Amino acid sequence: PGFLLSNSDKQALVTQLEAAESDPQLKVLEPVGWFVSHTRLGLVLTDEDVELFNRYFPEPWQTALVLHPDKTGKARAGFFLREADGRLR
């Protein structure tokens, strides 16, 4: 199965990120990135993933974590980082 964020999911993410900025306990923290799980694609970022990453986590130091679980319950993981020129590695 594949799942994409709906417009209301994206708005909920924005609301959550904005709420954290006004919460005294969370205000001192910054999100370091986000993660996504791909059961079929492996350790890749799709075009939709890259759009979400660039839109909501645009800082050069923020990361994306991709998880690829298998049927045995194990998972592989890969981190994606931005190069100085903005390319993802």
PDB file of N, CA and C in Angstrom:
ATOM      1  N   PRO A   1       0.821  -1.202   0.000  1.00  0.00           N
ATOM      2  CA  PRO A   1       0.000   0.000   0.000  1.00  0.00           C
ATOM      3  C   PRO A   1       0.859   1.258   0.000  1.00  0.00           C
ATOM      4  N   GLY A   2       0.351   2.282  -0.597  1.00  0.00           N
ATOM      5  CA  GLY A   2       1.043   3.560  -0.592  1.00  0.00           C
ATOM      6  C   GLY A   2       0.178   4.617   0.068  1.00  0.00           C
ATOM      7  N   PHE A   3       0.801   5.493   0.783  1.00  0.00           N
ATOM      8  CA  PHE A   3       0.071   6.538   1.480  1.00  0.00           C
ATOM      9  C   PHE A   3       0.702   7.883   1.155  1.00  0.00           C
ATOM     10  N   LEU A   4      -0.128   8.835   0.817  1.00  0.00           N
ATOM     11  CA  LEU A   4       0.327  10.197   0.559  1.00  0.00           C
ATOM     12  C   LEU A   4      -0.374  11.119   1.541  1.00  0.00           C
ATOM     13  N   LEU A   5       0.307  12.174   1.920  1.00  0.00           N
ATOM     14  CA  LEU A   5      -0.309  13.140   2.816  1.00  0.00           C
ATOM     15  C   LEU A   5      -1.378  13.921   2.067  1.00  0.00           C
ATOM     16  N   SER A   6      -2.535  14.032   2.668  1.00  0.00           N
ATOM     17  CA  SER A   6      -3.603  14.844   2.096  1.00  0.00           C
ATOM     18  C   SER A   6      -3.325  16.305   2.427  1.00  0.00           C
ATOM     19  N   ASN A   7      -4.109  17.195   1.855  1.00  0.00           N
ATOM     20  CA  ASN A   7      -3.970  18.615   2.183  1.00  0.00           C
ATOM     21  C   ASN A   7      -4.227  18.865   3.666  1.00  0.00           C
ATOM     22  N   SER A   8      -5.181  18.149   4.242  1.00  0.00           N
ATOM     23  CA  SER A   8      -5.449  18.335   5.679  1.00  0.00           C
ATOM     24  C   SER A   8      -4.301  17.771   6.521  1.00  0.00           C
ATOM     25  N   ASP A   9      -3.647  16.698   6.055  1.00  0.00           N
ATOM     26  CA  ASP A   9      -2.461  16.186   6.755  1.00  0.00           C
ATOM     27  C   ASP A   9      -1.339  17.218   6.743  1.00  0.00           C
ATOM     28  N   LYS A  10      -1.136  17.850   5.588  1.00  0.00           N
ATOM     29  CA  LYS A  10      -0.087  18.862   5.471  1.00  0.00           C
ATOM     30  C   LYS A  10      -0.400  20.061   6.357  1.00  0.00           C
ATOM     31  N   GLN A  11      -1.671  20.455   6.409  1.00  0.00           N
ATOM     32  CA  GLN A  11      -2.062  21.571   7.277  1.00  0.00           C
ATOM     33  C   GLN A  11      -1.855  21.198   8.737  1.00  0.00           C
ATOM     34  N   ALA A  12      -2.149  19.959   9.091  1.00  0.00           N
ATOM     35  CA  ALA A  12      -1.928  19.499  10.472  1.00  0.00           C
ATOM     36  C   ALA A  12      -0.440  19.544  10.818  1.00  0.00           C
ATOM     37  N   LEU A  13       0.420  19.217   9.862  1.00  0.00           N
ATOM     38  CA  LEU A  13       1.863  19.302  10.089  1.00  0.00           C
ATOM     39  C   LEU A  13       2.288  20.742  10.330  1.00  0.00           C
ATOM     40  N   VAL A  14       1.789  21.655   9.521  1.00  0.00           N
ATOM     41  CA  VAL A  14       2.091  23.083   9.697  1.00  0.00           C
ATOM     42  C   VAL A  14       1.614  23.547  11.064  1.00  0.00           C
ATOM     43  N   THR A  15       0.410  23.170  11.436  1.00  0.00           N
ATOM     44  CA  THR A  15      -0.149  23.545  12.734  1.00  0.00           C
ATOM     45  C   THR A  15       0.718  23.014  13.869  1.00  0.00           C
ATOM     46  N   GLN A  16       1.160  21.785  13.733  1.00  0.00           N
ATOM     47  CA  GLN A  16       2.000  21.183  14.767  1.00  0.00           C
ATOM     48  C   GLN A  16       3.347  21.891  14.872  1.00  0.00           C
ATOM     49  N   LEU A  17       3.960  22.202  13.738  1.00  0.00           N
ATOM     50  CA  LEU A  17       5.244  22.913  13.758  1.00  0.00           C
ATOM     51  C   LEU A  17       5.086  24.317  14.349  1.00  0.00           C
ATOM     52  N   GLU A  18       4.011  25.002  14.001  1.00  0.00           N
ATOM     53  CA  GLU A  18       3.768  26.344  14.535  1.00  0.00           C
ATOM     54  C   GLU A  18       3.451  26.297  16.020  1.00  0.00           C
ATOM     55  N   ALA A  19       2.697  25.292  16.465  1.00  0.00           N
ATOM     56  CA  ALA A  19       2.352  25.166  17.879  1.00  0.00           C
ATOM     57  C   ALA A  19       3.612  24.941  18.718  1.00  0.00           C
ATOM     58  N   ALA A  20       4.548  24.205  18.181  1.00  0.00           N
ATOM     59  CA  ALA A  20       5.792  23.955  18.908  1.00  0.00           C
ATOM     60  C   ALA A  20       6.573  25.254  19.123  1.00  0.00           C
ATOM     61  N   GLU A  21       6.471  26.182  18.175  1.00  0.00           N
ATOM     62  CA  GLU A  21       7.176  27.463  18.297  1.00  0.00           C
ATOM     63  C   GLU A  21       6.613  28.323  19.422  1.00  0.00           C
ATOM     64  N   SER A  22       5.350  28.125  19.774  1.00  0.00           N
ATOM     65  CA  SER A  22       4.738  28.946  20.820  1.00  0.00           C
ATOM     66  C   SER A  22       4.669  28.235  22.171  1.00  0.00           C
ATOM     67  N   ASP A  23       5.022  26.976  22.215  1.00  0.00           N
ATOM     68  CA  ASP A  23       5.026  26.211  23.464  1.00  0.00           C
ATOM     69  C   ASP A  23       6.335  26.495  24.200  1.00  0.00           C
ATOM     70  N   PRO A  24       6.278  27.038  25.430  1.00  0.00           N
ATOM     71  CA  PRO A  24       7.501  27.401  26.144  1.00  0.00           C
ATOM     72  C   PRO A  24       8.497  26.237  26.290  1.00  0.00           C
ATOM     73  N   GLN A  25       7.999  25.027  26.458  1.00  0.00           N
ATOM     74  CA  GLN A  25       8.904  23.895  26.624  1.00  0.00           C
ATOM     75  C   GLN A  25       9.507  23.429  25.296  1.00  0.00           C
ATOM     76  N   LEU A  26       8.789  23.630  24.215  1.00  0.00           N
ATOM     77  CA  LEU A  26       9.277  23.192  22.915  1.00  0.00           C
ATOM     78  C   LEU A  26       9.971  24.304  22.143  1.00  0.00           C
ATOM     79  N   LYS A  27       9.742  25.539  22.539  1.00  0.00           N
ATOM     80  CA  LYS A  27      10.254  26.701  21.813  1.00  0.00           C
ATOM     81  C   LYS A  27      11.771  26.677  21.669  1.00  0.00           C
ATOM     82  N   VAL A  28      12.450  26.105  22.645  1.00  0.00           N
ATOM     83  CA  VAL A  28      13.914  26.069  22.617  1.00  0.00           C
ATOM     84  C   VAL A  28      14.449  24.934  21.731  1.00  0.00           C
ATOM     85  N   LEU A  29      13.560  24.096  21.219  1.00  0.00           N
ATOM     86  CA  LEU A  29      13.965  22.977  20.374  1.00  0.00           C
ATOM     87  C   LEU A  29      13.672  23.269  18.912  1.00  0.00           C
ATOM     88  N   GLU A  30      14.399  22.601  18.022  1.00  0.00           N
ATOM     89  CA  GLU A  30      14.135  22.717  16.594  1.00  0.00           C
ATOM     90  C   GLU A  30      14.066  21.318  16.006  1.00  0.00           C
ATOM     91  N   PRO A  31      13.137  21.087  15.088  1.00  0.00           N
ATOM     92  CA  PRO A  31      13.088  19.764  14.460  1.00  0.00           C
ATOM     93  C   PRO A  31      14.330  19.546  13.595  1.00  0.00           C
ATOM     94  N   VAL A  32      14.958  18.406  13.767  1.00  0.00           N
ATOM     95  CA  VAL A  32      16.163  18.105  12.997  1.00  0.00           C
ATOM     96  C   VAL A  32      15.829  17.492  11.644  1.00  0.00           C
ATOM     97  N   GLY A  33      14.560  17.174  11.439  1.00  0.00           N
ATOM     98  CA  GLY A  33      14.148  16.602  10.167  1.00  0.00           C
ATOM     99  C   GLY A  33      12.902  15.765  10.345  1.00  0.00           C
ATOM    100  N   TRP A  34      12.756  14.759   9.502  1.00  0.00           N
ATOM    101  CA  TRP A  34      11.565  13.921   9.520  1.00  0.00           C
ATOM    102  C   TRP A  34      11.924  12.536   9.006  1.00  0.00           C
ATOM    103  N   PHE A  35      10.980  11.604   9.139  1.00  0.00           N
ATOM    104  CA  PHE A  35      11.231  10.277   8.597  1.00  0.00           C
ATOM    105  C   PHE A  35      10.027   9.791   7.805  1.00  0.00           C
ATOM    106  N   VAL A  36      10.311   8.849   6.922  1.00  0.00           N
ATOM    107  CA  VAL A  36       9.280   8.224   6.101  1.00  0.00           C
ATOM    108  C   VAL A  36       9.633   6.740   5.988  1.00  0.00           C
ATOM    109  N   SER A  37       8.613   5.920   5.875  1.00  0.00           N
ATOM    110  CA  SER A  37       8.810   4.486   5.715  1.00  0.00           C
ATOM    111  C   SER A  37       8.318   4.067   4.338  1.00  0.00           C
ATOM    112  N   HIS A  38       9.154   3.331   3.620  1.00  0.00           N
ATOM    113  CA  HIS A  38       8.778   2.805   2.305  1.00  0.00           C
ATOM    114  C   HIS A  38       8.869   1.292   2.348  1.00  0.00           C
ATOM    115  N   THR A  39       7.730   0.639   2.252  1.00  0.00           N
ATOM    116  CA  THR A  39       7.726  -0.815   2.327  1.00  0.00           C
ATOM    117  C   THR A  39       8.134  -1.473   1.011  1.00  0.00           C
ATOM    118  N   ARG A  40       7.987  -0.777  -0.094  1.00  0.00           N
ATOM    119  CA  ARG A  40       8.302  -1.387  -1.394  1.00  0.00           C
ATOM    120  C   ARG A  40       9.443  -0.706  -2.129  1.00  0.00           C
ATOM    121  N   LEU A  41       9.636   0.563  -1.914  1.00  0.00           N
ATOM    122  CA  LEU A  41      10.588   1.307  -2.732  1.00  0.00           C
ATOM    123  C   LEU A  41      12.036   1.159  -2.282  1.00  0.00           C
ATOM    124  N   GLY A  42      12.258   0.804  -1.064  1.00  0.00           N
ATOM    125  CA  GLY A  42      13.622   0.744  -0.554  1.00  0.00           C
ATOM    126  C   GLY A  42      14.040   2.074   0.033  1.00  0.00           C
ATOM    127  N   LEU A  43      15.345   2.284   0.062  1.00  0.00           N
ATOM    128  CA  LEU A  43      15.901   3.484   0.708  1.00  0.00           C
ATOM    129  C   LEU A  43      16.053   4.620  -0.301  1.00  0.00           C
ATOM    130  N   VAL A  44      14.935   5.170  -0.706  1.00  0.00           N
ATOM    131  CA  VAL A  44      14.915   6.275  -1.663  1.00  0.00           C
ATOM    132  C   VAL A  44      13.934   7.332  -1.178  1.00  0.00           C
ATOM    133  N   LEU A  45      14.153   8.547  -1.632  1.00  0.00           N
ATOM    134  CA  LEU A  45      13.184   9.620  -1.434  1.00  0.00           C
ATOM    135  C   LEU A  45      12.433   9.803  -2.745  1.00  0.00           C
ATOM    136  N   THR A  46      11.114   9.731  -2.692  1.00  0.00           N
ATOM    137  CA  THR A  46      10.307   9.967  -3.885  1.00  0.00           C
ATOM    138  C   THR A  46      10.246  11.467  -4.159  1.00  0.00           C
ATOM    139  N   ASP A  47       9.705  11.832  -5.292  1.00  0.00           N
ATOM    140  CA  ASP A  47       9.531  13.255  -5.605  1.00  0.00           C
ATOM    141  C   ASP A  47       8.658  13.927  -4.543  1.00  0.00           C
ATOM    142  N   GLU A  48       7.609  13.222  -4.102  1.00  0.00           N
ATOM    143  CA  GLU A  48       6.732  13.768  -3.059  1.00  0.00           C
ATOM    144  C   GLU A  48       7.483  13.943  -1.742  1.00  0.00           C
ATOM    145  N   ASP A  49       8.360  12.997  -1.424  1.00  0.00           N
ATOM    146  CA  ASP A  49       9.172  13.101  -0.208  1.00  0.00           C
ATOM    147  C   ASP A  49      10.085  14.320  -0.264  1.00  0.00           C
ATOM    148  N   VAL A  50      10.719  14.512  -1.411  1.00  0.00           N
ATOM    149  CA  VAL A  50      11.640  15.646  -1.580  1.00  0.00           C
ATOM    150  C   VAL A  50      10.877  16.965  -1.458  1.00  0.00           C
ATOM    151  N   GLU A  51       9.680  17.024  -2.037  1.00  0.00           N
ATOM    152  CA  GLU A  51       8.868  18.241  -1.923  1.00  0.00           C
ATOM    153  C   GLU A  51       8.535  18.537  -0.459  1.00  0.00           C
ATOM    154  N   LEU A  52       8.109  17.509   0.267  1.00  0.00           N
ATOM    155  CA  LEU A  52       7.775  17.681   1.683  1.00  0.00           C
ATOM    156  C   LEU A  52       9.012  18.107   2.478  1.00  0.00           C
ATOM    157  N   PHE A  53      10.129  17.446   2.229  1.00  0.00           N
ATOM    158  CA  PHE A  53      11.388  17.764   2.905  1.00  0.00           C
ATOM    159  C   PHE A  53      11.776  19.216   2.655  1.00  0.00           C
ATOM    160  N   ASN A  54      11.754  19.635   1.400  1.00  0.00           N
ATOM    161  CA  ASN A  54      12.156  21.005   1.059  1.00  0.00           C
ATOM    162  C   ASN A  54      11.182  22.049   1.594  1.00  0.00           C
ATOM    163  N   ARG A  55       9.908  21.729   1.612  1.00  0.00           N
ATOM    164  CA  ARG A  55       8.906  22.698   2.047  1.00  0.00           C
ATOM    165  C   ARG A  55       8.878  22.884   3.564  1.00  0.00           C
ATOM    166  N   TYR A  56       8.901  21.792   4.316  1.00  0.00           N
ATOM    167  CA  TYR A  56       8.696  21.878   5.760  1.00  0.00           C
ATOM    168  C   TYR A  56       9.974  21.768   6.586  1.00  0.00           C
ATOM    169  N   PHE A  57      11.050  21.303   5.965  1.00  0.00           N
ATOM    170  CA  PHE A  57      12.326  21.140   6.672  1.00  0.00           C
ATOM    171  C   PHE A  57      13.458  21.671   5.782  1.00  0.00           C
ATOM    172  N   PRO A  58      13.434  22.984   5.482  1.00  0.00           N
ATOM    173  CA  PRO A  58      14.323  23.544   4.466  1.00  0.00           C
ATOM    174  C   PRO A  58      15.743  23.892   4.930  1.00  0.00           C
ATOM    175  N   GLU A  59      15.991  23.826   6.215  1.00  0.00           N
ATOM    176  CA  GLU A  59      17.303  24.238   6.704  1.00  0.00           C
ATOM    177  C   GLU A  59      18.390  23.286   6.192  1.00  0.00           C
ATOM    178  N   PRO A  60      19.573  23.810   5.894  1.00  0.00           N
ATOM    179  CA  PRO A  60      20.631  22.961   5.326  1.00  0.00           C
ATOM    180  C   PRO A  60      21.083  21.840   6.256  1.00  0.00           C
ATOM    181  N   TRP A  61      20.873  21.986   7.550  1.00  0.00           N
ATOM    182  CA  TRP A  61      21.311  20.978   8.515  1.00  0.00           C
ATOM    183  C   TRP A  61      20.227  19.946   8.830  1.00  0.00           C
ATOM    184  N   GLN A  62      19.019  20.131   8.310  1.00  0.00           N
ATOM    185  CA  GLN A  62      17.943  19.182   8.590  1.00  0.00           C
ATOM    186  C   GLN A  62      18.090  17.928   7.721  1.00  0.00           C
ATOM    187  N   THR A  63      17.632  16.795   8.251  1.00  0.00           N
ATOM    188  CA  THR A  63      17.832  15.516   7.591  1.00  0.00           C
ATOM    189  C   THR A  63      16.500  14.805   7.337  1.00  0.00           C
ATOM    190  N   ALA A  64      16.563  13.816   6.472  1.00  0.00           N
ATOM    191  CA  ALA A  64      15.439  12.914   6.243  1.00  0.00           C
ATOM    192  C   ALA A  64      15.926  11.497   6.515  1.00  0.00           C
ATOM    193  N   LEU A  65      15.131  10.739   7.218  1.00  0.00           N
ATOM    194  CA  LEU A  65      15.430   9.340   7.507  1.00  0.00           C
ATOM    195  C   LEU A  65      14.409   8.490   6.765  1.00  0.00           C
ATOM    196  N   VAL A  66      14.891   7.560   5.951  1.00  0.00           N
ATOM    197  CA  VAL A  66      14.010   6.639   5.240  1.00  0.00           C
ATOM    198  C   VAL A  66      14.178   5.260   5.861  1.00  0.00           C
ATOM    199  N   LEU A  67      13.054   4.658   6.236  1.00  0.00           N
ATOM    200  CA  LEU A  67      13.058   3.304   6.785  1.00  0.00           C
ATOM    201  C   LEU A  67      12.453   2.357   5.758  1.00  0.00           C
ATOM    202  N   HIS A  68      13.076   1.196   5.617  1.00  0.00           N
ATOM    203  CA  HIS A  68      12.564   0.163   4.711  1.00  0.00           C
ATOM    204  C   HIS A  68      12.417  -1.131   5.505  1.00  0.00           C
ATOM    205  N   PRO A  69      11.212  -1.360   6.076  1.00  0.00           N
ATOM    206  CA  PRO A  69      10.984  -2.589   6.843  1.00  0.00           C
ATOM    207  C   PRO A  69      10.798  -3.778   5.899  1.00  0.00           C
ATOM    208  N   ASP A  70      11.216  -4.964   6.371  1.00  0.00           N
ATOM    209  CA  ASP A  70      10.940  -6.158   5.574  1.00  0.00           C
ATOM    210  C   ASP A  70       9.971  -7.075   6.315  1.00  0.00           C
ATOM    211  N   LYS A  71       9.616  -8.156   5.688  1.00  0.00           N
ATOM    212  CA  LYS A  71       8.590  -9.043   6.243  1.00  0.00           C
ATOM    213  C   LYS A  71       9.041  -9.764   7.507  1.00  0.00           C
ATOM    214  N   THR A  72      10.339  -9.816   7.766  1.00  0.00           N
ATOM    215  CA  THR A  72      10.833 -10.508   8.958  1.00  0.00           C
ATOM    216  C   THR A  72      10.798  -9.624  10.194  1.00  0.00           C
ATOM    217  N   GLY A  73      10.452  -8.353  10.014  1.00  0.00           N
ATOM    218  CA  GLY A  73      10.417  -7.430  11.134  1.00  0.00           C
ATOM    219  C   GLY A  73      11.680  -6.584  11.253  1.00  0.00           C
ATOM    220  N   LYS A  74      12.667  -6.878  10.433  1.00  0.00           N
ATOM    221  CA  LYS A  74      13.887  -6.065  10.420  1.00  0.00           C
ATOM    222  C   LYS A  74      13.677  -4.881   9.490  1.00  0.00           C
ATOM    223  N   ALA A  75      14.520  -3.888   9.640  1.00  0.00           N
ATOM    224  CA  ALA A  75      14.417  -2.715   8.780  1.00  0.00           C
ATOM    225  C   ALA A  75      15.806  -2.201   8.448  1.00  0.00           C
ATOM    226  N   ARG A  76      15.919  -1.652   7.259  1.00  0.00           N
ATOM    227  CA  ARG A  76      17.132  -0.921   6.878  1.00  0.00           C
ATOM    228  C   ARG A  76      16.794   0.557   6.971  1.00  0.00           C
ATOM    229  N   ALA A  77      17.806   1.363   7.193  1.00  0.00           N
ATOM    230  CA  ALA A  77      17.584   2.798   7.339  1.00  0.00           C
ATOM    231  C   ALA A  77      18.636   3.568   6.548  1.00  0.00           C
ATOM    232  N   GLY A  78      18.229   4.702   6.024  1.00  0.00           N
ATOM    233  CA  GLY A  78      19.155   5.577   5.317  1.00  0.00           C
ATOM    234  C   GLY A  78      18.844   7.031   5.629  1.00  0.00           C
ATOM    235  N   PHE A  79      19.904   7.804   5.872  1.00  0.00           N
ATOM    236  CA  PHE A  79      19.760   9.237   6.113  1.00  0.00           C
ATOM    237  C   PHE A  79      20.075   9.997   4.834  1.00  0.00           C
ATOM    238  N   PHE A  80      19.298  11.044   4.583  1.00  0.00           N
ATOM    239  CA  PHE A  80      19.549  11.927   3.450  1.00  0.00           C
ATOM    240  C   PHE A  80      19.894  13.310   4.002  1.00  0.00           C
ATOM    241  N   LEU A  81      20.980  13.869   3.482  1.00  0.00           N
ATOM    242  CA  LEU A  81      21.479  15.171   3.913  1.00  0.00           C
ATOM    243  C   LEU A  81      21.594  16.080   2.708  1.00  0.00           C
ATOM    244  N   ARG A  82      21.601  17.381   2.954  1.00  0.00           N
ATOM    245  CA  ARG A  82      21.778  18.346   1.872  1.00  0.00           C
ATOM    246  C   ARG A  82      23.261  18.698   1.744  1.00  0.00           C
ATOM    247  N   GLU A  83      23.710  18.721   0.495  1.00  0.00           N
ATOM    248  CA  GLU A  83      25.059  19.193   0.199  1.00  0.00           C
ATOM    249  C   GLU A  83      25.045  20.726   0.258  1.00  0.00           C
ATOM    250  N   ALA A  84      26.196  21.339   0.212  1.00  0.00           N
ATOM    251  CA  ALA A  84      26.277  22.800   0.248  1.00  0.00           C
ATOM    252  C   ALA A  84      25.530  23.437  -0.919  1.00  0.00           C
ATOM    253  N   ASP A  85      25.466  22.749  -2.052  1.00  0.00           N
ATOM    254  CA  ASP A  85      24.767  23.296  -3.217  1.00  0.00           C
ATOM    255  C   ASP A  85      23.283  22.958  -3.220  1.00  0.00           C
ATOM    256  N   GLY A  86      22.789  22.298  -2.152  1.00  0.00           N
ATOM    257  CA  GLY A  86      21.379  21.987  -2.029  1.00  0.00           C
ATOM    258  C   GLY A  86      20.982  20.597  -2.508  1.00  0.00           C
ATOM    259  N   ARG A  87      21.893  19.898  -3.203  1.00  0.00           N
ATOM    260  CA  ARG A  87      21.577  18.549  -3.647  1.00  0.00           C
ATOM    261  C   ARG A  87      21.444  17.624  -2.443  1.00  0.00           C
ATOM    262  N   LEU A  88      20.607  16.596  -2.591  1.00  0.00           N
ATOM    263  CA  LEU A  88      20.438  15.611  -1.522  1.00  0.00           C
ATOM    264  C   LEU A  88      21.403  14.459  -1.730  1.00  0.00           C
ATOM    265  N   ARG A  89      21.973  14.011  -0.624  1.00  0.00           N
ATOM    266  CA  ARG A  89      22.911  12.883  -0.653  1.00  0.00           C
ATOM    267  C   ARG A  89      22.421  11.857   0.328  1.00  0.00           C
TER     268      ARG A  89
END
